[in-house]
């Protein structure tokens, strides 16, 4: 009997916990046609080098879209043509969407816009035939950020992770390179 593929998989955890490595391994085990959506932008030399290393580590037959803002539109475009969509990462997407943050104003509209875009990602993910794997950082486990922008980012990313997690078939929390399944049923066929 053929195993049912998960629809949405959220992989979260701290920085350098092994999220991307695990997500790429999982994507390759679920299907051979993988579309990778990269949300990072190379604003400085260190980040440009980091992006280049990530590109070099991906299988060459994976289709890659470098899209820092319109992730839902990419899912809509490729979701019926691929087996797996891998979004790496939601943390950078939210950071990109925060470009209109203003410390001296209410950011309610900005928060609403970010949540709207995340709900569009969920909607497109649920409608397409591909499995959608989403990587995101868990930033709420550390210190309270020292400035309003940092607190806004922590809070909105926490909300975004909850939105994705609510509709995900599986949620993994990564620690020390070890995936801990915290939602859904384990399916060893994909590991």
N, C-alpha and C. Protein backbone atom coordinates (compact mmCIF):
# COMPACT_ATOMS: atom_id res chain seq x y z
N UNK A 1 0.83 -1.18 0.00
CA UNK A 1 0.00 0.00 0.00
C UNK A 1 0.87 1.25 0.00
N UNK A 2 0.59 2.17 -0.91
CA UNK A 2 1.39 3.38 -1.03
C UNK A 2 1.11 4.32 0.14
N UNK A 3 2.18 4.89 0.70
CA UNK A 3 2.05 5.82 1.82
C UNK A 3 1.46 7.14 1.35
N UNK A 4 0.60 7.74 2.14
CA UNK A 4 0.04 9.05 1.84
C UNK A 4 1.06 10.11 2.21
N UNK A 5 1.37 10.97 1.25
CA UNK A 5 2.31 12.05 1.50
C UNK A 5 1.67 13.11 2.39
N UNK A 6 2.45 13.71 3.27
CA UNK A 6 1.91 14.82 4.05
C UNK A 6 1.64 16.01 3.15
N UNK A 7 0.69 16.85 3.51
CA UNK A 7 0.35 18.03 2.71
C UNK A 7 1.23 19.21 3.08
N UNK A 8 1.26 19.57 4.36
CA UNK A 8 2.11 20.66 4.83
C UNK A 8 2.96 20.13 5.99
N UNK A 9 4.26 20.40 5.91
CA UNK A 9 5.19 20.02 6.98
C UNK A 9 5.90 21.30 7.43
N UNK A 10 5.84 21.58 8.71
CA UNK A 10 6.56 22.71 9.29
C UNK A 10 7.76 22.17 10.06
N UNK A 11 8.92 22.74 9.77
CA UNK A 11 10.15 22.38 10.48
C UNK A 11 10.66 23.65 11.15
N UNK A 12 10.66 23.64 12.48
CA UNK A 12 11.07 24.82 13.23
C UNK A 12 12.15 24.43 14.24
N UNK A 13 12.78 25.43 14.78
CA UNK A 13 13.85 25.21 15.76
C UNK A 13 14.74 26.44 15.79
N UNK A 14 15.78 26.37 16.56
CA UNK A 14 16.71 27.49 16.68
C UNK A 14 17.64 27.60 15.50
N UNK A 15 18.44 28.65 15.52
CA UNK A 15 19.44 28.88 14.49
C UNK A 15 20.47 27.75 14.54
N UNK A 16 20.84 27.25 13.38
CA UNK A 16 21.85 26.19 13.23
C UNK A 16 21.47 24.90 13.95
N UNK A 17 20.18 24.62 14.00
CA UNK A 17 19.73 23.40 14.65
C UNK A 17 19.59 22.24 13.66
N UNK A 18 19.80 22.49 12.37
CA UNK A 18 19.72 21.43 11.36
C UNK A 18 18.43 21.44 10.56
N UNK A 19 17.68 22.53 10.64
CA UNK A 19 16.37 22.61 9.97
C UNK A 19 16.49 22.44 8.46
N UNK A 20 17.36 23.20 7.84
CA UNK A 20 17.47 23.17 6.37
C UNK A 20 17.97 21.81 5.89
N UNK A 21 18.96 21.26 6.56
CA UNK A 21 19.49 19.95 6.18
C UNK A 21 18.39 18.89 6.26
N UNK A 22 17.65 18.90 7.35
CA UNK A 22 16.56 17.93 7.52
C UNK A 22 15.47 18.15 6.47
N UNK A 23 15.12 19.41 6.21
CA UNK A 23 14.08 19.72 5.22
C UNK A 23 14.48 19.23 3.84
N UNK A 24 15.73 19.43 3.46
CA UNK A 24 16.19 19.00 2.14
C UNK A 24 16.20 17.47 2.04
N UNK A 25 16.61 16.81 3.11
CA UNK A 25 16.60 15.34 3.12
C UNK A 25 15.17 14.82 3.01
N UNK A 26 14.26 15.41 3.76
CA UNK A 26 12.86 15.01 3.72
C UNK A 26 12.27 15.24 2.34
N UNK A 27 12.54 16.40 1.76
CA UNK A 27 12.03 16.71 0.41
C UNK A 27 12.49 15.68 -0.60
N UNK A 28 13.78 15.34 -0.56
CA UNK A 28 14.32 14.34 -1.49
C UNK A 28 13.74 12.95 -1.28
N UNK A 29 13.38 12.64 -0.05
CA UNK A 29 12.78 11.34 0.23
C UNK A 29 11.32 11.27 -0.18
N UNK A 30 10.63 12.42 -0.19
CA UNK A 30 9.23 12.43 -0.57
C UNK A 30 9.06 12.38 -2.08
N UNK A 31 9.92 13.06 -2.82
CA UNK A 31 9.78 13.08 -4.27
C UNK A 31 11.06 13.46 -4.97
N UNK A 32 11.09 13.21 -6.28
CA UNK A 32 12.26 13.57 -7.07
C UNK A 32 12.11 14.94 -7.73
N UNK A 33 10.86 15.37 -7.93
CA UNK A 33 10.61 16.71 -8.48
C UNK A 33 10.39 17.67 -7.32
N UNK A 34 11.43 18.43 -7.03
CA UNK A 34 11.40 19.35 -5.89
C UNK A 34 11.58 20.78 -6.40
N UNK A 35 10.74 21.67 -5.91
CA UNK A 35 10.88 23.09 -6.18
C UNK A 35 11.27 23.78 -4.88
N UNK A 36 12.37 24.49 -4.93
CA UNK A 36 12.93 25.15 -3.76
C UNK A 36 12.63 26.64 -3.87
N UNK A 37 11.99 27.21 -2.85
CA UNK A 37 11.73 28.65 -2.82
C UNK A 37 12.64 29.24 -1.75
N UNK A 38 13.61 30.03 -2.20
CA UNK A 38 14.57 30.67 -1.30
C UNK A 38 14.13 32.10 -1.05
N UNK A 39 14.04 32.49 0.21
CA UNK A 39 13.57 33.83 0.56
C UNK A 39 14.69 34.77 0.98
N UNK A 40 15.91 34.28 1.06
CA UNK A 40 17.03 35.11 1.51
C UNK A 40 17.42 36.12 0.44
N UNK A 41 17.94 37.24 0.91
CA UNK A 41 18.47 38.27 0.03
C UNK A 41 19.90 38.58 0.46
N UNK A 42 20.79 38.72 -0.51
CA UNK A 42 22.20 38.97 -0.23
C UNK A 42 22.52 40.44 -0.10
N UNK A 43 22.17 41.02 1.04
CA UNK A 43 22.42 42.45 1.24
C UNK A 43 23.86 42.77 1.64
N UNK A 44 24.60 41.76 2.07
CA UNK A 44 25.99 41.98 2.43
C UNK A 44 26.81 40.77 1.97
N UNK A 45 28.11 40.89 2.07
CA UNK A 45 29.01 39.84 1.57
C UNK A 45 28.81 38.51 2.29
N UNK A 46 28.65 38.56 3.61
CA UNK A 46 28.48 37.32 4.38
C UNK A 46 27.21 36.58 3.95
N UNK A 47 26.11 37.33 3.78
CA UNK A 47 24.85 36.70 3.38
C UNK A 47 24.94 36.20 1.94
N UNK A 48 25.59 36.93 1.08
CA UNK A 48 25.77 36.50 -0.31
C UNK A 48 26.55 35.19 -0.35
N UNK A 49 27.60 35.07 0.46
CA UNK A 49 28.37 33.83 0.54
C UNK A 49 27.52 32.68 1.08
N UNK A 50 26.71 32.97 2.09
CA UNK A 50 25.84 31.96 2.69
C UNK A 50 24.84 31.43 1.66
N UNK A 51 24.26 32.33 0.88
CA UNK A 51 23.31 31.94 -0.17
C UNK A 51 23.99 31.07 -1.20
N UNK A 52 25.21 31.45 -1.60
CA UNK A 52 25.97 30.67 -2.59
C UNK A 52 26.25 29.26 -2.09
N UNK A 53 26.58 29.12 -0.80
CA UNK A 53 26.84 27.79 -0.23
C UNK A 53 25.56 26.94 -0.23
N UNK A 54 24.44 27.58 0.11
CA UNK A 54 23.16 26.84 0.08
C UNK A 54 22.84 26.37 -1.34
N UNK A 55 23.05 27.24 -2.31
CA UNK A 55 22.80 26.87 -3.71
C UNK A 55 23.65 25.67 -4.11
N UNK A 56 24.92 25.72 -3.75
CA UNK A 56 25.85 24.66 -4.13
C UNK A 56 25.50 23.32 -3.49
N UNK A 57 24.87 23.34 -2.33
CA UNK A 57 24.53 22.11 -1.62
C UNK A 57 23.25 21.45 -2.12
N UNK A 58 22.42 22.20 -2.85
CA UNK A 58 21.15 21.64 -3.34
C UNK A 58 21.39 20.76 -4.56
N UNK A 59 20.60 19.72 -4.70
CA UNK A 59 20.70 18.91 -5.92
C UNK A 59 20.45 19.77 -7.16
N UNK A 60 21.23 19.55 -8.21
CA UNK A 60 21.15 20.40 -9.40
C UNK A 60 19.84 20.23 -10.15
N UNK A 61 19.16 19.10 -9.97
CA UNK A 61 17.91 18.89 -10.71
C UNK A 61 16.70 19.55 -10.02
N UNK A 62 16.89 20.11 -8.84
CA UNK A 62 15.80 20.83 -8.19
C UNK A 62 15.62 22.18 -8.87
N UNK A 63 14.38 22.58 -9.06
CA UNK A 63 14.08 23.89 -9.60
C UNK A 63 14.09 24.88 -8.44
N UNK A 64 14.75 26.01 -8.63
CA UNK A 64 14.87 27.00 -7.57
C UNK A 64 14.27 28.34 -7.99
N UNK A 65 13.49 28.90 -7.08
CA UNK A 65 12.97 30.26 -7.24
C UNK A 65 13.51 31.08 -6.09
N UNK A 66 14.14 32.17 -6.39
CA UNK A 66 14.60 33.09 -5.35
C UNK A 66 13.55 34.19 -5.28
N UNK A 67 12.70 34.08 -4.27
CA UNK A 67 11.54 34.98 -4.15
C UNK A 67 11.42 35.46 -2.71
N UNK A 68 11.82 36.69 -2.44
CA UNK A 68 11.80 37.19 -1.08
C UNK A 68 10.45 37.70 -0.58
N UNK A 69 9.44 37.78 -1.45
CA UNK A 69 8.15 38.36 -1.04
C UNK A 69 6.93 37.55 -1.45
N UNK A 70 6.83 37.15 -2.70
CA UNK A 70 5.60 36.58 -3.27
C UNK A 70 5.61 35.05 -3.29
N UNK A 71 5.76 34.45 -2.15
CA UNK A 71 5.87 32.99 -2.04
C UNK A 71 4.58 32.29 -2.45
N UNK A 72 3.44 32.81 -2.05
CA UNK A 72 2.16 32.18 -2.40
C UNK A 72 1.99 32.10 -3.91
N UNK A 73 2.42 33.13 -4.63
CA UNK A 73 2.29 33.12 -6.09
C UNK A 73 3.17 32.05 -6.72
N UNK A 74 4.34 31.81 -6.15
CA UNK A 74 5.20 30.75 -6.67
C UNK A 74 4.56 29.39 -6.43
N UNK A 75 4.00 29.17 -5.26
CA UNK A 75 3.31 27.91 -4.97
C UNK A 75 2.18 27.71 -5.97
N UNK A 76 1.41 28.76 -6.22
CA UNK A 76 0.30 28.67 -7.17
C UNK A 76 0.83 28.29 -8.56
N UNK A 77 1.96 28.83 -8.94
CA UNK A 77 2.55 28.58 -10.27
C UNK A 77 3.08 27.15 -10.42
N UNK A 78 3.72 26.62 -9.38
CA UNK A 78 4.43 25.34 -9.51
C UNK A 78 3.75 24.18 -8.80
N UNK A 79 2.74 24.44 -8.00
CA UNK A 79 2.16 23.43 -7.11
C UNK A 79 1.58 22.20 -7.77
N UNK A 80 1.22 22.30 -9.04
CA UNK A 80 0.69 21.14 -9.77
C UNK A 80 1.75 20.49 -10.64
N UNK A 81 2.93 21.10 -10.75
CA UNK A 81 3.98 20.61 -11.63
C UNK A 81 5.11 19.90 -10.89
N UNK A 82 5.04 19.90 -9.57
CA UNK A 82 6.13 19.37 -8.76
C UNK A 82 5.56 18.47 -7.68
N UNK A 83 6.41 17.63 -7.10
CA UNK A 83 5.97 16.77 -6.01
C UNK A 83 6.13 17.43 -4.65
N UNK A 84 7.18 18.26 -4.53
CA UNK A 84 7.49 18.89 -3.25
C UNK A 84 7.87 20.34 -3.49
N UNK A 85 7.32 21.22 -2.66
CA UNK A 85 7.76 22.62 -2.60
C UNK A 85 8.43 22.80 -1.25
N UNK A 86 9.65 23.28 -1.27
CA UNK A 86 10.40 23.52 -0.03
C UNK A 86 10.65 25.02 0.10
N UNK A 87 10.11 25.62 1.16
CA UNK A 87 10.27 27.05 1.42
C UNK A 87 11.30 27.21 2.53
N UNK A 88 12.41 27.87 2.22
CA UNK A 88 13.47 28.08 3.20
C UNK A 88 13.92 29.54 3.09
N UNK A 89 13.52 30.41 3.97
CA UNK A 89 12.75 30.11 5.16
C UNK A 89 11.72 31.18 5.43
N UNK A 90 10.75 30.82 6.25
CA UNK A 90 9.67 31.72 6.63
C UNK A 90 10.20 32.88 7.48
N UNK A 91 11.21 32.65 8.26
CA UNK A 91 11.80 33.69 9.11
C UNK A 91 12.29 34.86 8.26
N UNK A 92 13.01 34.54 7.18
CA UNK A 92 13.50 35.60 6.31
C UNK A 92 12.37 36.25 5.52
N UNK A 93 11.36 35.48 5.15
CA UNK A 93 10.21 36.05 4.47
C UNK A 93 9.56 37.11 5.35
N UNK A 94 9.31 36.77 6.61
CA UNK A 94 8.70 37.74 7.54
C UNK A 94 9.61 38.96 7.69
N UNK A 95 10.90 38.74 7.80
CA UNK A 95 11.84 39.86 7.88
C UNK A 95 11.75 40.74 6.65
N UNK A 96 11.67 40.13 5.47
CA UNK A 96 11.54 40.88 4.23
C UNK A 96 10.25 41.70 4.22
N UNK A 97 9.17 41.09 4.70
CA UNK A 97 7.87 41.76 4.69
C UNK A 97 7.80 42.89 5.71
N UNK A 98 8.74 42.93 6.62
CA UNK A 98 8.76 43.98 7.65
C UNK A 98 9.42 45.27 7.17
N UNK A 99 9.69 45.40 5.89
CA UNK A 99 10.39 46.58 5.39
C UNK A 99 9.65 47.89 5.68
N UNK A 100 8.34 47.82 5.91
CA UNK A 100 7.57 49.03 6.21
C UNK A 100 7.37 49.26 7.71
N UNK A 101 8.13 48.55 8.55
CA UNK A 101 8.03 48.73 9.99
C UNK A 101 8.46 50.16 10.37
N UNK A 102 7.70 50.78 11.23
CA UNK A 102 8.03 52.12 11.73
C UNK A 102 7.87 52.12 13.24
N UNK A 103 8.95 52.46 13.93
CA UNK A 103 8.93 52.44 15.39
C UNK A 103 8.00 53.50 15.98
N UNK A 104 7.79 54.59 15.25
CA UNK A 104 7.00 55.69 15.79
C UNK A 104 5.52 55.63 15.42
N UNK A 105 5.08 54.51 14.84
CA UNK A 105 3.67 54.37 14.46
C UNK A 105 3.13 53.02 14.90
N UNK A 106 1.83 52.88 14.80
CA UNK A 106 1.22 51.57 15.04
C UNK A 106 1.54 50.68 13.85
N UNK A 107 1.87 49.46 14.11
CA UNK A 107 2.19 48.53 13.03
C UNK A 107 1.10 47.49 12.85
N UNK A 108 -0.12 47.82 13.26
CA UNK A 108 -1.23 46.89 13.12
C UNK A 108 -1.48 46.50 11.67
N UNK A 109 -1.42 47.49 10.77
CA UNK A 109 -1.64 47.18 9.35
C UNK A 109 -0.53 46.31 8.78
N UNK A 110 0.69 46.56 9.22
CA UNK A 110 1.81 45.72 8.78
C UNK A 110 1.61 44.28 9.25
N UNK A 111 1.24 44.11 10.51
CA UNK A 111 0.99 42.77 11.05
C UNK A 111 -0.13 42.08 10.28
N UNK A 112 -1.20 42.82 10.00
CA UNK A 112 -2.32 42.25 9.23
C UNK A 112 -1.87 41.82 7.83
N UNK A 113 -1.03 42.63 7.19
CA UNK A 113 -0.54 42.31 5.86
C UNK A 113 0.33 41.04 5.88
N UNK A 114 1.20 40.95 6.86
CA UNK A 114 2.07 39.76 6.97
C UNK A 114 1.21 38.52 7.20
N UNK A 115 0.27 38.59 8.12
CA UNK A 115 -0.59 37.44 8.41
C UNK A 115 -1.42 37.08 7.18
N UNK A 116 -1.91 38.08 6.45
CA UNK A 116 -2.66 37.82 5.21
C UNK A 116 -1.80 37.04 4.21
N UNK A 117 -0.54 37.46 4.05
CA UNK A 117 0.34 36.76 3.10
C UNK A 117 0.63 35.33 3.55
N UNK A 118 0.77 35.13 4.85
CA UNK A 118 1.01 33.78 5.36
C UNK A 118 -0.22 32.90 5.14
N UNK A 119 -1.40 33.44 5.37
CA UNK A 119 -2.63 32.68 5.12
C UNK A 119 -2.78 32.34 3.64
N UNK A 120 -2.29 33.21 2.75
CA UNK A 120 -2.30 32.90 1.32
C UNK A 120 -1.36 31.73 1.02
N UNK A 121 -0.22 31.68 1.70
CA UNK A 121 0.70 30.55 1.53
C UNK A 121 0.02 29.26 1.98
N UNK A 122 -0.66 29.30 3.11
CA UNK A 122 -1.37 28.11 3.60
C UNK A 122 -2.45 27.70 2.60
N UNK A 123 -3.23 28.66 2.13
CA UNK A 123 -4.31 28.35 1.18
C UNK A 123 -3.75 27.71 -0.10
N UNK A 124 -2.72 28.30 -0.67
CA UNK A 124 -2.12 27.74 -1.89
C UNK A 124 -1.51 26.36 -1.62
N UNK A 125 -0.93 26.18 -0.44
CA UNK A 125 -0.33 24.89 -0.09
C UNK A 125 -1.39 23.80 0.02
N UNK A 126 -2.53 24.15 0.60
CA UNK A 126 -3.61 23.17 0.75
C UNK A 126 -4.29 22.85 -0.58
N UNK A 127 -4.27 23.80 -1.52
CA UNK A 127 -4.94 23.60 -2.80
C UNK A 127 -4.08 22.86 -3.82
N UNK A 128 -2.77 22.94 -3.71
CA UNK A 128 -1.91 22.31 -4.72
C UNK A 128 -1.74 20.82 -4.41
N UNK A 129 -1.22 20.10 -5.38
CA UNK A 129 -1.03 18.65 -5.20
C UNK A 129 0.31 18.30 -4.55
N UNK A 130 1.22 19.25 -4.47
CA UNK A 130 2.55 18.99 -3.90
C UNK A 130 2.50 18.97 -2.38
N UNK A 131 3.49 18.31 -1.79
CA UNK A 131 3.76 18.45 -0.37
C UNK A 131 4.55 19.74 -0.21
N UNK A 132 4.17 20.57 0.76
CA UNK A 132 4.86 21.83 1.00
C UNK A 132 5.57 21.75 2.34
N UNK A 133 6.89 21.87 2.29
CA UNK A 133 7.72 21.84 3.50
C UNK A 133 8.16 23.27 3.77
N UNK A 134 7.92 23.73 5.00
CA UNK A 134 8.22 25.11 5.36
C UNK A 134 9.20 25.11 6.53
N UNK A 135 10.31 25.82 6.36
CA UNK A 135 11.32 25.96 7.40
C UNK A 135 11.13 27.32 8.07
N UNK A 136 11.15 27.33 9.40
CA UNK A 136 11.02 28.58 10.14
C UNK A 136 11.76 28.50 11.46
N UNK A 137 12.30 29.62 11.90
CA UNK A 137 12.97 29.65 13.19
C UNK A 137 11.97 29.80 14.32
N UNK A 138 12.32 29.24 15.46
CA UNK A 138 11.57 29.43 16.69
C UNK A 138 12.35 30.47 17.48
N UNK A 139 11.86 31.71 17.50
CA UNK A 139 12.61 32.79 18.14
C UNK A 139 12.06 33.15 19.52
N UNK A 140 11.01 32.51 19.96
CA UNK A 140 10.39 32.85 21.23
C UNK A 140 10.96 32.14 22.43
N UNK A 141 12.06 31.46 22.30
CA UNK A 141 12.62 30.70 23.41
C UNK A 141 13.73 31.45 24.15
N UNK A 142 14.15 32.58 23.61
CA UNK A 142 15.28 33.28 24.18
C UNK A 142 14.88 34.51 24.97
N UNK A 143 15.79 35.43 25.04
CA UNK A 143 15.57 36.67 25.77
C UNK A 143 14.54 37.55 25.08
N UNK A 144 13.92 38.43 25.84
CA UNK A 144 13.02 39.42 25.26
C UNK A 144 13.90 40.44 24.52
N UNK A 145 13.60 40.68 23.22
CA UNK A 145 14.42 41.64 22.48
C UNK A 145 14.43 43.02 23.14
N UNK A 146 15.53 43.72 22.98
CA UNK A 146 15.74 44.99 23.68
C UNK A 146 15.03 46.17 23.02
N UNK A 147 14.53 46.01 21.79
CA UNK A 147 13.91 47.14 21.12
C UNK A 147 12.54 46.75 20.55
N UNK A 148 11.70 47.74 20.26
CA UNK A 148 10.34 47.46 19.76
C UNK A 148 10.31 46.65 18.46
N UNK A 149 11.24 46.94 17.55
CA UNK A 149 11.25 46.20 16.29
C UNK A 149 11.55 44.73 16.52
N UNK A 150 12.50 44.43 17.39
CA UNK A 150 12.83 43.05 17.72
C UNK A 150 11.65 42.33 18.35
N UNK A 151 10.94 43.03 19.24
CA UNK A 151 9.76 42.42 19.87
C UNK A 151 8.64 42.21 18.86
N UNK A 152 8.45 43.16 17.94
CA UNK A 152 7.44 42.99 16.89
C UNK A 152 7.78 41.77 16.04
N UNK A 153 9.05 41.64 15.64
CA UNK A 153 9.49 40.50 14.83
C UNK A 153 9.24 39.19 15.57
N UNK A 154 9.65 39.12 16.82
CA UNK A 154 9.44 37.90 17.61
C UNK A 154 7.96 37.56 17.69
N UNK A 155 7.14 38.54 17.97
CA UNK A 155 5.70 38.30 18.13
C UNK A 155 5.04 37.89 16.81
N UNK A 156 5.36 38.58 15.72
CA UNK A 156 4.70 38.26 14.46
C UNK A 156 5.19 36.91 13.93
N UNK A 157 6.46 36.58 14.12
CA UNK A 157 6.94 35.27 13.69
C UNK A 157 6.29 34.17 14.51
N UNK A 158 6.10 34.40 15.80
CA UNK A 158 5.39 33.42 16.63
C UNK A 158 3.97 33.19 16.12
N UNK A 159 3.27 34.27 15.75
CA UNK A 159 1.92 34.14 15.21
C UNK A 159 1.93 33.38 13.89
N UNK A 160 2.89 33.71 13.04
CA UNK A 160 3.01 33.06 11.73
C UNK A 160 3.27 31.57 11.90
N UNK A 161 4.17 31.21 12.79
CA UNK A 161 4.44 29.79 13.03
C UNK A 161 3.19 29.06 13.53
N UNK A 162 2.40 29.74 14.37
CA UNK A 162 1.16 29.12 14.85
C UNK A 162 0.16 28.91 13.72
N UNK A 163 0.07 29.86 12.80
CA UNK A 163 -0.85 29.73 11.65
C UNK A 163 -0.45 28.55 10.79
N UNK A 164 0.84 28.45 10.48
CA UNK A 164 1.31 27.32 9.67
C UNK A 164 1.13 26.01 10.44
N UNK A 165 1.52 26.00 11.70
CA UNK A 165 1.42 24.79 12.51
C UNK A 165 0.00 24.26 12.63
N UNK A 166 -0.98 25.15 12.67
CA UNK A 166 -2.38 24.73 12.81
C UNK A 166 -2.85 23.89 11.63
N UNK A 167 -2.37 24.22 10.43
CA UNK A 167 -2.79 23.48 9.24
C UNK A 167 -1.79 22.42 8.78
N UNK A 168 -0.66 22.34 9.44
CA UNK A 168 0.35 21.36 9.05
C UNK A 168 -0.06 19.95 9.47
N UNK A 169 0.24 18.99 8.60
CA UNK A 169 0.04 17.58 8.94
C UNK A 169 1.10 17.12 9.94
N UNK A 170 2.30 17.67 9.76
CA UNK A 170 3.41 17.32 10.64
C UNK A 170 4.16 18.58 11.01
N UNK A 171 4.59 18.63 12.26
CA UNK A 171 5.45 19.71 12.73
C UNK A 171 6.63 19.06 13.43
N UNK A 172 7.83 19.46 13.02
CA UNK A 172 9.06 18.97 13.64
C UNK A 172 9.74 20.13 14.34
N UNK A 173 10.28 19.84 15.52
CA UNK A 173 11.12 20.79 16.22
C UNK A 173 12.53 20.23 16.19
N UNK A 174 13.46 21.01 15.65
CA UNK A 174 14.84 20.56 15.53
C UNK A 174 15.66 21.05 16.72
N UNK A 175 16.45 20.15 17.26
CA UNK A 175 17.42 20.54 18.29
C UNK A 175 18.65 19.65 18.13
N UNK A 176 19.82 20.28 18.10
CA UNK A 176 21.08 19.57 17.97
C UNK A 176 21.09 18.61 16.77
N UNK A 177 20.43 19.02 15.67
CA UNK A 177 20.39 18.20 14.47
C UNK A 177 19.43 17.02 14.54
N UNK A 178 18.62 16.97 15.59
CA UNK A 178 17.69 15.85 15.78
C UNK A 178 16.27 16.35 15.60
N UNK A 179 15.51 15.74 14.66
CA UNK A 179 14.12 16.15 14.48
C UNK A 179 13.21 15.49 15.51
N UNK A 180 12.45 16.31 16.20
CA UNK A 180 11.46 15.81 17.16
C UNK A 180 10.08 16.06 16.56
N UNK A 181 9.35 15.00 16.29
CA UNK A 181 8.00 15.13 15.74
C UNK A 181 7.07 15.57 16.86
N UNK A 182 6.50 16.77 16.72
CA UNK A 182 5.62 17.28 17.78
C UNK A 182 4.16 17.36 17.34
N UNK A 183 3.89 17.12 16.06
CA UNK A 183 2.51 17.04 15.57
C UNK A 183 2.48 16.08 14.40
N UNK A 184 1.49 15.21 14.38
CA UNK A 184 1.33 14.27 13.28
C UNK A 184 1.87 12.90 13.62
N UNK A 185 1.71 12.01 12.66
CA UNK A 185 2.17 10.64 12.84
C UNK A 185 3.47 10.42 12.07
N UNK A 186 4.36 9.68 12.68
CA UNK A 186 5.62 9.36 12.05
C UNK A 186 5.39 8.42 10.87
N UNK A 187 6.11 8.66 9.82
CA UNK A 187 6.04 7.81 8.63
C UNK A 187 7.46 7.50 8.20
N UNK A 188 7.96 6.40 8.65
CA UNK A 188 9.35 6.03 8.39
C UNK A 188 9.65 5.84 6.91
N UNK A 189 8.61 5.76 6.08
CA UNK A 189 8.85 5.57 4.64
C UNK A 189 9.61 6.73 4.04
N UNK A 190 9.55 7.89 4.65
CA UNK A 190 10.21 9.07 4.08
C UNK A 190 11.56 9.38 4.71
N UNK A 191 12.07 8.47 5.56
CA UNK A 191 13.35 8.74 6.20
C UNK A 191 14.37 7.67 5.91
